[in-house]
């Protein structure tokens, strides 16, 4: 059943998108701003991130958690040993086991005016996008975002996900890929 309506940006206008409740998944809340996406903050421990969404279904892998929300969830990433080896030892200790990126396809959130399902052209008009890099079928863009780095996952010139990442892991493309 439809319990709410979200606004989706297509790059030129906003159109209503029906939002169906997902059993066991709370409604999206909070904002995407600075170091925060919803209830997740960059630098949180994995335990703190899981406590932030205690009623949310949590599918996790070794270096990722997925927290379900209505209508779409949030993915959270933790640094792998391979990533940590590219970072100075003091900074490495500070990031180990902590949230280093978070992203979502949830239309509730926007990254400085850009929401999932926006066109790449619209994103370029709102954000200063860096050089794209490719992983699989996706093209990724990084953009300045105050205390964090903004992240866009794009496929077929449509923004699929928006998010944030620790600046320290996005300074070079080698660390980002």
N, C-alpha and C. Protein backbone atom coordinates (compact mmCIF):
# COMPACT_ATOMS: atom_id res chain seq x y z
N UNK A 1 0.84 -1.18 0.00
CA UNK A 1 0.00 0.00 0.00
C UNK A 1 0.88 1.24 0.00
N UNK A 2 0.39 2.26 -0.63
CA UNK A 2 1.14 3.50 -0.67
C UNK A 2 0.85 4.27 0.60
N UNK A 3 1.91 4.65 1.32
CA UNK A 3 1.73 5.38 2.56
C UNK A 3 2.27 6.79 2.51
N UNK A 4 2.92 7.15 1.44
CA UNK A 4 3.51 8.47 1.34
C UNK A 4 3.87 8.71 -0.12
N UNK A 5 4.34 9.90 -0.42
CA UNK A 5 4.77 10.20 -1.77
C UNK A 5 6.10 10.93 -1.69
N UNK A 6 7.07 10.51 -2.45
CA UNK A 6 8.38 11.16 -2.47
C UNK A 6 8.49 11.96 -3.75
N UNK A 7 9.31 13.01 -3.73
CA UNK A 7 9.55 13.78 -4.93
C UNK A 7 10.87 13.34 -5.53
N UNK A 8 10.84 13.09 -6.82
CA UNK A 8 12.02 12.63 -7.53
C UNK A 8 12.43 13.71 -8.52
N UNK A 9 13.72 14.05 -8.52
CA UNK A 9 14.21 15.03 -9.49
C UNK A 9 14.67 14.32 -10.75
N UNK A 10 14.21 14.78 -11.90
CA UNK A 10 14.66 14.18 -13.15
C UNK A 10 15.65 15.09 -13.85
N UNK A 11 16.06 16.12 -13.17
CA UNK A 11 17.00 17.06 -13.75
C UNK A 11 16.33 18.34 -14.19
N UNK A 12 15.06 18.30 -14.51
CA UNK A 12 14.35 19.48 -14.94
C UNK A 12 13.14 19.80 -14.06
N UNK A 13 12.53 18.78 -13.50
CA UNK A 13 11.34 19.00 -12.69
C UNK A 13 11.25 17.91 -11.63
N UNK A 14 10.31 18.06 -10.73
CA UNK A 14 10.07 17.05 -9.71
C UNK A 14 8.75 16.36 -10.02
N UNK A 15 8.76 15.05 -9.88
CA UNK A 15 7.55 14.27 -10.13
C UNK A 15 7.28 13.39 -8.94
N UNK A 16 6.01 13.23 -8.55
CA UNK A 16 5.73 12.36 -7.41
C UNK A 16 6.01 10.90 -7.74
N UNK A 17 6.53 10.20 -6.78
CA UNK A 17 6.78 8.78 -6.91
C UNK A 17 6.10 8.11 -5.73
N UNK A 18 5.18 7.18 -5.97
CA UNK A 18 4.53 6.54 -4.83
C UNK A 18 5.55 5.75 -4.01
N UNK A 19 5.39 5.83 -2.71
CA UNK A 19 6.29 5.15 -1.79
C UNK A 19 5.50 4.11 -1.04
N UNK A 20 5.85 2.85 -1.21
CA UNK A 20 5.17 1.77 -0.52
C UNK A 20 5.94 1.41 0.73
N UNK A 21 5.22 1.12 1.79
CA UNK A 21 5.87 0.69 3.03
C UNK A 21 6.52 -0.66 2.81
N UNK A 22 7.71 -0.81 3.32
CA UNK A 22 8.42 -2.07 3.26
C UNK A 22 8.38 -2.67 4.66
N UNK A 23 7.76 -3.84 4.84
CA UNK A 23 7.63 -4.41 6.18
C UNK A 23 8.99 -4.50 6.89
N UNK A 24 9.03 -4.04 8.12
CA UNK A 24 10.26 -4.09 8.92
C UNK A 24 11.25 -3.00 8.62
N UNK A 25 10.95 -2.13 7.66
CA UNK A 25 11.87 -1.08 7.28
C UNK A 25 11.29 0.28 7.65
N UNK A 26 11.96 1.04 8.53
CA UNK A 26 11.44 2.34 8.93
C UNK A 26 11.48 3.34 7.78
N UNK A 27 10.68 4.38 7.90
CA UNK A 27 10.73 5.47 6.92
C UNK A 27 12.09 6.15 7.00
N UNK A 28 12.58 6.60 5.86
CA UNK A 28 13.83 7.36 5.82
C UNK A 28 13.66 8.61 6.67
N UNK A 29 14.74 9.00 7.35
CA UNK A 29 14.71 10.21 8.16
C UNK A 29 16.09 10.84 8.12
N UNK A 30 16.20 12.03 8.66
CA UNK A 30 17.47 12.73 8.66
C UNK A 30 17.74 13.38 7.32
N UNK A 31 18.98 13.74 7.08
CA UNK A 31 19.36 14.41 5.84
C UNK A 31 20.68 13.83 5.33
N UNK A 32 21.04 14.24 4.13
CA UNK A 32 22.38 13.98 3.61
C UNK A 32 23.07 15.34 3.63
N UNK A 33 23.98 15.50 4.56
CA UNK A 33 24.64 16.79 4.72
C UNK A 33 25.98 16.58 5.43
N UNK A 34 27.02 17.21 4.91
CA UNK A 34 28.33 17.11 5.55
C UNK A 34 28.79 15.67 5.68
N UNK A 35 28.95 15.20 6.93
CA UNK A 35 29.40 13.83 7.20
C UNK A 35 28.26 12.88 7.52
N UNK A 36 27.02 13.27 7.25
CA UNK A 36 25.87 12.48 7.68
C UNK A 36 24.96 12.12 6.51
N UNK A 37 24.52 10.86 6.51
CA UNK A 37 23.48 10.40 5.59
C UNK A 37 22.45 9.69 6.45
N UNK A 38 21.28 10.29 6.59
CA UNK A 38 20.25 9.71 7.46
C UNK A 38 20.75 9.67 8.89
N UNK A 39 20.76 8.50 9.49
CA UNK A 39 21.23 8.34 10.87
C UNK A 39 22.68 7.89 10.94
N UNK A 40 23.33 7.79 9.78
CA UNK A 40 24.72 7.34 9.71
C UNK A 40 25.65 8.54 9.60
N UNK A 41 26.74 8.50 10.35
CA UNK A 41 27.75 9.54 10.31
C UNK A 41 29.09 8.90 9.97
N UNK A 42 29.82 9.49 9.05
CA UNK A 42 31.16 9.00 8.75
C UNK A 42 31.96 8.98 10.05
N UNK A 43 32.73 7.92 10.25
CA UNK A 43 33.55 7.78 11.45
C UNK A 43 32.89 6.97 12.55
N UNK A 44 31.59 6.67 12.42
CA UNK A 44 30.93 5.81 13.42
C UNK A 44 31.55 4.43 13.38
N UNK A 45 31.52 3.73 14.50
CA UNK A 45 31.93 2.33 14.49
C UNK A 45 30.80 1.51 13.87
N UNK A 46 31.10 0.30 13.49
CA UNK A 46 30.08 -0.59 12.94
C UNK A 46 28.97 -0.81 13.98
N UNK A 47 29.33 -0.96 15.24
CA UNK A 47 28.34 -1.15 16.31
C UNK A 47 27.43 0.07 16.41
N UNK A 48 28.00 1.27 16.34
CA UNK A 48 27.19 2.49 16.40
C UNK A 48 26.25 2.59 15.21
N UNK A 49 26.75 2.24 14.02
CA UNK A 49 25.91 2.28 12.82
C UNK A 49 24.73 1.32 12.95
N UNK A 50 24.99 0.13 13.44
CA UNK A 50 23.92 -0.86 13.60
C UNK A 50 22.92 -0.43 14.68
N UNK A 51 23.39 0.26 15.70
CA UNK A 51 22.47 0.78 16.73
C UNK A 51 21.62 1.92 16.20
N UNK A 52 22.14 2.67 15.22
CA UNK A 52 21.39 3.79 14.64
C UNK A 52 20.11 3.30 13.95
N UNK A 53 20.15 2.10 13.39
CA UNK A 53 19.00 1.51 12.72
C UNK A 53 18.65 0.17 13.38
N UNK A 54 18.24 0.17 14.65
CA UNK A 54 18.02 -1.09 15.36
C UNK A 54 16.85 -1.91 14.84
N UNK A 55 15.87 -1.29 14.22
CA UNK A 55 14.70 -2.02 13.72
C UNK A 55 14.80 -2.28 12.23
N UNK A 56 15.92 -1.98 11.68
CA UNK A 56 16.10 -2.12 10.24
C UNK A 56 16.74 -3.47 9.93
N UNK A 57 16.26 -4.10 8.86
CA UNK A 57 16.88 -5.34 8.41
C UNK A 57 18.31 -5.02 8.03
N UNK A 58 19.22 -5.86 8.41
CA UNK A 58 20.62 -5.60 8.20
C UNK A 58 21.25 -6.78 7.46
N UNK A 59 21.51 -6.58 6.19
CA UNK A 59 22.24 -7.58 5.41
C UNK A 59 23.67 -7.08 5.35
N UNK A 60 24.58 -7.86 5.77
CA UNK A 60 25.94 -7.36 5.79
C UNK A 60 26.91 -8.33 5.13
N UNK A 61 28.00 -7.76 4.71
CA UNK A 61 29.13 -8.54 4.23
C UNK A 61 30.31 -8.08 5.07
N UNK A 62 31.46 -8.57 4.76
CA UNK A 62 32.63 -8.28 5.59
C UNK A 62 32.91 -6.78 5.73
N UNK A 63 32.74 -6.02 4.65
CA UNK A 63 33.08 -4.60 4.68
C UNK A 63 31.90 -3.69 4.34
N UNK A 64 30.67 -4.21 4.42
CA UNK A 64 29.49 -3.44 4.08
C UNK A 64 28.31 -3.85 4.93
N UNK A 65 27.43 -2.90 5.22
CA UNK A 65 26.12 -3.17 5.81
C UNK A 65 25.08 -2.54 4.91
N UNK A 66 23.91 -3.14 4.87
CA UNK A 66 22.77 -2.54 4.17
C UNK A 66 21.65 -2.42 5.18
N UNK A 67 21.19 -1.20 5.38
CA UNK A 67 20.10 -0.95 6.30
C UNK A 67 18.85 -0.63 5.48
N UNK A 68 17.82 -1.44 5.63
CA UNK A 68 16.62 -1.20 4.83
C UNK A 68 15.83 -0.04 5.42
N UNK A 69 15.33 0.79 4.54
CA UNK A 69 14.47 1.92 4.87
C UNK A 69 13.35 1.92 3.85
N UNK A 70 12.29 2.60 4.16
CA UNK A 70 11.21 2.79 3.20
C UNK A 70 11.42 4.15 2.54
N UNK A 71 11.52 4.25 1.22
CA UNK A 71 11.31 3.18 0.26
C UNK A 71 12.58 2.42 -0.12
N UNK A 72 13.77 2.98 0.10
CA UNK A 72 15.02 2.33 -0.31
C UNK A 72 16.05 2.56 0.79
N UNK A 73 16.91 1.60 1.01
CA UNK A 73 17.85 1.64 2.12
C UNK A 73 19.13 2.41 1.89
N UNK A 74 20.02 2.25 2.86
CA UNK A 74 21.32 2.91 2.87
C UNK A 74 22.40 1.84 2.95
N UNK A 75 23.42 1.95 2.09
CA UNK A 75 24.58 1.07 2.15
C UNK A 75 25.68 1.81 2.88
N UNK A 76 26.40 1.09 3.72
CA UNK A 76 27.47 1.66 4.53
C UNK A 76 28.71 0.81 4.34
N UNK A 77 29.85 1.46 4.15
CA UNK A 77 31.09 0.73 3.93
C UNK A 77 32.13 1.00 4.99
N UNK A 78 32.92 -0.04 5.24
CA UNK A 78 34.01 -0.01 6.21
C UNK A 78 35.29 -0.35 5.44
N UNK A 79 36.44 0.18 5.85
CA UNK A 79 37.65 -0.04 5.06
C UNK A 79 38.17 -1.48 5.13
N UNK A 80 38.54 -1.97 3.97
CA UNK A 80 39.17 -3.29 3.87
C UNK A 80 40.65 -3.15 4.23
N UNK A 81 41.30 -4.26 4.55
CA UNK A 81 42.75 -4.20 4.81
C UNK A 81 43.52 -3.63 3.61
N UNK A 82 43.08 -3.95 2.40
CA UNK A 82 43.74 -3.45 1.20
C UNK A 82 43.66 -1.91 1.15
N UNK A 83 42.50 -1.37 1.44
CA UNK A 83 42.35 0.09 1.47
C UNK A 83 43.19 0.69 2.60
N UNK A 84 43.14 0.09 3.76
CA UNK A 84 43.88 0.63 4.90
C UNK A 84 45.39 0.69 4.64
N UNK A 85 45.91 -0.27 3.85
CA UNK A 85 47.35 -0.27 3.54
C UNK A 85 47.76 0.95 2.73
N UNK A 86 46.81 1.62 2.06
CA UNK A 86 47.14 2.80 1.24
C UNK A 86 47.15 4.09 2.05
N UNK A 87 46.82 3.99 3.34
CA UNK A 87 46.66 5.17 4.19
C UNK A 87 47.79 5.20 5.23
N UNK A 88 48.23 6.40 5.58
CA UNK A 88 49.28 6.57 6.59
C UNK A 88 48.89 5.84 7.88
N UNK A 89 49.86 5.22 8.57
CA UNK A 89 49.56 4.41 9.76
C UNK A 89 48.69 5.10 10.81
N UNK A 90 48.96 6.36 11.13
CA UNK A 90 48.16 7.04 12.16
C UNK A 90 46.71 7.18 11.72
N UNK A 91 46.49 7.55 10.48
CA UNK A 91 45.13 7.69 9.94
C UNK A 91 44.47 6.32 9.79
N UNK A 92 45.27 5.33 9.47
CA UNK A 92 44.78 3.95 9.32
C UNK A 92 44.11 3.48 10.60
N UNK A 93 44.77 3.73 11.74
CA UNK A 93 44.19 3.32 13.03
C UNK A 93 42.88 4.05 13.31
N UNK A 94 42.79 5.31 12.90
CA UNK A 94 41.58 6.11 13.14
C UNK A 94 40.40 5.63 12.29
N UNK A 95 40.67 5.06 11.12
CA UNK A 95 39.59 4.64 10.21
C UNK A 95 39.21 3.16 10.35
N UNK A 96 40.08 2.34 10.87
CA UNK A 96 39.82 0.90 10.95
C UNK A 96 38.51 0.62 11.69
N UNK A 97 37.63 -0.15 11.07
CA UNK A 97 36.37 -0.54 11.69
C UNK A 97 35.32 0.56 11.76
N UNK A 98 35.54 1.64 11.05
CA UNK A 98 34.61 2.77 11.08
C UNK A 98 33.99 3.03 9.72
N UNK A 99 32.84 3.68 9.70
CA UNK A 99 32.15 4.01 8.46
C UNK A 99 33.02 4.98 7.66
N UNK A 100 33.36 4.60 6.41
CA UNK A 100 34.14 5.47 5.54
C UNK A 100 33.34 5.94 4.33
N UNK A 101 32.20 5.30 4.06
CA UNK A 101 31.31 5.79 3.01
C UNK A 101 29.89 5.29 3.27
N UNK A 102 28.94 6.03 2.74
CA UNK A 102 27.53 5.66 2.82
C UNK A 102 26.86 6.16 1.55
N UNK A 103 25.96 5.35 0.99
CA UNK A 103 25.27 5.77 -0.22
C UNK A 103 23.85 5.22 -0.22
N UNK A 104 23.02 5.82 -1.08
CA UNK A 104 21.63 5.41 -1.16
C UNK A 104 21.03 5.76 -2.52
N UNK A 105 20.03 5.01 -2.91
CA UNK A 105 19.20 5.33 -4.08
C UNK A 105 17.86 5.89 -3.62
N UNK A 106 17.75 6.19 -2.33
CA UNK A 106 16.49 6.66 -1.75
C UNK A 106 16.21 8.10 -2.18
N UNK A 107 15.04 8.35 -2.79
CA UNK A 107 14.71 9.69 -3.27
C UNK A 107 14.47 10.70 -2.14
N UNK A 108 14.39 10.23 -0.91
CA UNK A 108 14.21 11.12 0.24
C UNK A 108 15.44 12.02 0.42
N UNK A 109 16.60 11.54 0.02
CA UNK A 109 17.86 12.26 0.24
C UNK A 109 18.32 12.96 -1.02
N UNK A 110 18.98 14.10 -0.83
CA UNK A 110 19.60 14.81 -1.95
C UNK A 110 21.01 15.21 -1.55
N UNK A 111 21.88 15.25 -2.53
CA UNK A 111 23.25 15.72 -2.33
C UNK A 111 23.34 17.10 -2.97
N UNK A 112 23.20 18.13 -2.15
CA UNK A 112 23.25 19.52 -2.61
C UNK A 112 22.39 19.73 -3.86
N UNK A 113 21.14 19.28 -3.79
CA UNK A 113 20.16 19.51 -4.85
C UNK A 113 20.05 18.39 -5.86
N UNK A 114 20.88 17.37 -5.76
CA UNK A 114 20.84 16.26 -6.71
C UNK A 114 20.31 15.03 -5.99
N UNK A 115 19.27 14.43 -6.56
CA UNK A 115 18.69 13.22 -5.98
C UNK A 115 18.89 12.04 -6.91
N UNK A 116 18.76 10.83 -6.39
CA UNK A 116 18.78 9.67 -7.28
C UNK A 116 17.71 9.84 -8.36
N UNK A 117 18.02 9.37 -9.55
CA UNK A 117 17.19 9.44 -10.74
C UNK A 117 17.32 10.77 -11.47
N UNK A 118 18.18 11.67 -10.99
CA UNK A 118 18.47 12.90 -11.72
C UNK A 118 19.32 12.55 -12.93
N UNK A 119 19.30 13.38 -13.92
CA UNK A 119 20.18 13.15 -15.07
C UNK A 119 21.59 13.60 -14.72
N UNK A 120 22.56 13.05 -15.43
CA UNK A 120 23.94 13.45 -15.24
C UNK A 120 24.09 14.94 -15.56
N UNK A 121 23.39 15.42 -16.59
CA UNK A 121 23.45 16.85 -16.95
C UNK A 121 22.97 17.71 -15.79
N UNK A 122 21.90 17.32 -15.13
CA UNK A 122 21.40 18.08 -13.98
C UNK A 122 22.41 18.05 -12.85
N UNK A 123 23.02 16.89 -12.61
CA UNK A 123 24.03 16.78 -11.56
C UNK A 123 25.20 17.71 -11.85
N UNK A 124 25.61 17.75 -13.11
CA UNK A 124 26.73 18.64 -13.48
C UNK A 124 26.38 20.10 -13.27
N UNK A 125 25.12 20.46 -13.45
CA UNK A 125 24.73 21.86 -13.28
C UNK A 125 24.69 22.26 -11.79
N UNK A 126 24.57 21.28 -10.89
CA UNK A 126 24.51 21.57 -9.45
C UNK A 126 25.83 21.33 -8.73
N UNK A 127 26.64 20.42 -9.24
CA UNK A 127 27.84 19.97 -8.53
C UNK A 127 29.07 20.12 -9.41
N UNK A 128 30.21 20.27 -8.78
CA UNK A 128 31.49 20.27 -9.49
C UNK A 128 32.00 18.83 -9.48
N UNK A 129 31.73 18.10 -10.54
CA UNK A 129 32.09 16.68 -10.61
C UNK A 129 33.52 16.49 -11.07
N UNK A 130 34.21 15.58 -10.41
CA UNK A 130 35.57 15.22 -10.82
C UNK A 130 35.54 14.32 -12.04
N UNK A 131 36.73 13.89 -12.46
CA UNK A 131 36.82 12.98 -13.60
C UNK A 131 36.13 11.67 -13.25
N UNK A 132 35.35 11.13 -14.18
CA UNK A 132 34.66 9.87 -13.90
C UNK A 132 35.63 8.70 -13.88
N UNK A 133 35.26 7.67 -13.13
CA UNK A 133 35.98 6.40 -13.20
C UNK A 133 34.94 5.29 -13.24
N UNK A 134 35.33 4.17 -13.81
CA UNK A 134 34.38 3.08 -14.08
C UNK A 134 34.70 1.86 -13.23
N UNK A 135 33.65 1.29 -12.67
CA UNK A 135 33.74 0.00 -12.00
C UNK A 135 32.54 -0.80 -12.50
N UNK A 136 32.83 -1.85 -13.26
CA UNK A 136 31.75 -2.63 -13.86
C UNK A 136 30.93 -1.78 -14.80
N UNK A 137 29.60 -1.86 -14.69
CA UNK A 137 28.70 -1.12 -15.57
C UNK A 137 28.45 0.30 -15.07
N UNK A 138 29.04 0.66 -13.94
CA UNK A 138 28.77 1.96 -13.33
C UNK A 138 29.90 2.95 -13.55
N UNK A 139 29.51 4.22 -13.66
CA UNK A 139 30.46 5.32 -13.72
C UNK A 139 30.30 6.07 -12.40
N UNK A 140 31.40 6.37 -11.77
CA UNK A 140 31.40 7.02 -10.46
C UNK A 140 32.01 8.41 -10.59
N UNK A 141 31.44 9.35 -9.85
CA UNK A 141 31.94 10.72 -9.81
C UNK A 141 32.12 11.12 -8.35
N UNK A 142 33.17 11.89 -8.08
CA UNK A 142 33.39 12.46 -6.76
C UNK A 142 33.22 13.96 -6.87
N UNK A 143 32.74 14.58 -5.80
CA UNK A 143 32.51 16.02 -5.79
C UNK A 143 32.79 16.57 -4.39
N UNK A 144 33.32 17.78 -4.31
CA UNK A 144 33.54 18.37 -2.98
C UNK A 144 32.21 18.47 -2.21
N UNK A 145 32.26 18.22 -0.92
CA UNK A 145 31.06 18.27 -0.09
C UNK A 145 31.42 18.70 1.34
N UNK A 146 32.12 19.82 1.46
CA UNK A 146 32.49 20.30 2.79
C UNK A 146 33.42 19.32 3.49
N UNK A 147 33.01 18.79 4.66
CA UNK A 147 33.89 17.91 5.42
C UNK A 147 34.02 16.50 4.85
N UNK A 148 33.24 16.18 3.83
CA UNK A 148 33.31 14.86 3.20
C UNK A 148 33.45 15.03 1.69
N UNK A 149 33.53 13.92 0.99
CA UNK A 149 33.50 13.92 -0.47
C UNK A 149 32.15 13.37 -0.89
N UNK A 150 31.46 14.09 -1.77
CA UNK A 150 30.20 13.59 -2.32
C UNK A 150 30.50 12.51 -3.35
N UNK A 151 29.60 11.52 -3.45
CA UNK A 151 29.79 10.39 -4.35
C UNK A 151 28.51 10.22 -5.17
N UNK A 152 28.68 10.03 -6.49
CA UNK A 152 27.56 9.73 -7.37
C UNK A 152 27.84 8.45 -8.14
N UNK A 153 26.91 7.53 -8.13
CA UNK A 153 26.98 6.33 -8.95
C UNK A 153 26.02 6.55 -10.11
N UNK A 154 26.54 6.49 -11.33
CA UNK A 154 25.76 6.81 -12.52
C UNK A 154 25.77 5.64 -13.48
N UNK A 155 24.62 5.37 -14.07
CA UNK A 155 24.51 4.36 -15.12
C UNK A 155 23.59 4.92 -16.20
N UNK A 156 24.02 4.82 -17.44
CA UNK A 156 23.24 5.32 -18.57
C UNK A 156 22.84 6.78 -18.39
N UNK A 157 23.78 7.57 -17.86
CA UNK A 157 23.62 9.02 -17.68
C UNK A 157 22.53 9.40 -16.68
N UNK A 158 22.14 8.45 -15.83
CA UNK A 158 21.17 8.69 -14.76
C UNK A 158 21.85 8.39 -13.42
N UNK A 159 21.69 9.29 -12.46
CA UNK A 159 22.26 9.10 -11.13
C UNK A 159 21.47 7.99 -10.44
N UNK A 160 22.13 6.90 -10.10
CA UNK A 160 21.48 5.79 -9.41
C UNK A 160 21.60 5.91 -7.90
N UNK A 161 22.75 6.36 -7.42
CA UNK A 161 22.96 6.51 -5.98
C UNK A 161 23.73 7.79 -5.71
N UNK A 162 23.49 8.34 -4.53
CA UNK A 162 24.24 9.48 -4.04
C UNK A 162 24.80 9.11 -2.68
N UNK A 163 25.86 9.76 -2.28
CA UNK A 163 26.41 9.42 -0.98
C UNK A 163 27.56 10.31 -0.58
N UNK A 164 28.24 9.86 0.48
CA UNK A 164 29.37 10.59 1.05
C UNK A 164 30.49 9.61 1.36
N UNK A 165 31.71 10.13 1.38
CA UNK A 165 32.87 9.31 1.73
C UNK A 165 33.87 10.17 2.48
N UNK A 166 34.70 9.50 3.29
CA UNK A 166 35.80 10.17 3.99
C UNK A 166 36.73 10.79 2.96
N UNK A 167 37.10 12.04 3.18
CA UNK A 167 38.02 12.71 2.25
C UNK A 167 39.34 11.96 2.12
N UNK A 168 39.83 11.43 3.22
CA UNK A 168 41.13 10.77 3.21
C UNK A 168 41.23 9.56 2.32
N UNK A 169 40.10 8.96 1.96
CA UNK A 169 40.16 7.78 1.09
C UNK A 169 39.80 8.12 -0.36
N UNK A 170 39.50 9.39 -0.64
CA UNK A 170 39.10 9.76 -1.98
C UNK A 170 40.07 10.75 -2.62
N UNK A 171 41.23 10.94 -2.04
CA UNK A 171 42.17 11.92 -2.58
C UNK A 171 42.81 11.47 -3.88
N UNK A 172 42.91 10.17 -4.07
CA UNK A 172 43.44 9.66 -5.33
C UNK A 172 42.47 8.64 -5.89
N UNK A 173 42.47 8.51 -7.20
CA UNK A 173 41.58 7.53 -7.83
C UNK A 173 41.95 6.12 -7.39
N UNK A 174 43.24 5.88 -7.14
CA UNK A 174 43.66 4.53 -6.74
C UNK A 174 42.92 4.09 -5.48
N UNK A 175 42.76 4.99 -4.53
CA UNK A 175 42.05 4.65 -3.31
C UNK A 175 40.56 4.52 -3.54
N UNK A 176 40.02 5.23 -4.52
CA UNK A 176 38.58 5.23 -4.77
C UNK A 176 38.12 3.98 -5.49
N UNK A 177 39.01 3.39 -6.29
CA UNK A 177 38.59 2.26 -7.12
C UNK A 177 38.62 0.96 -6.37
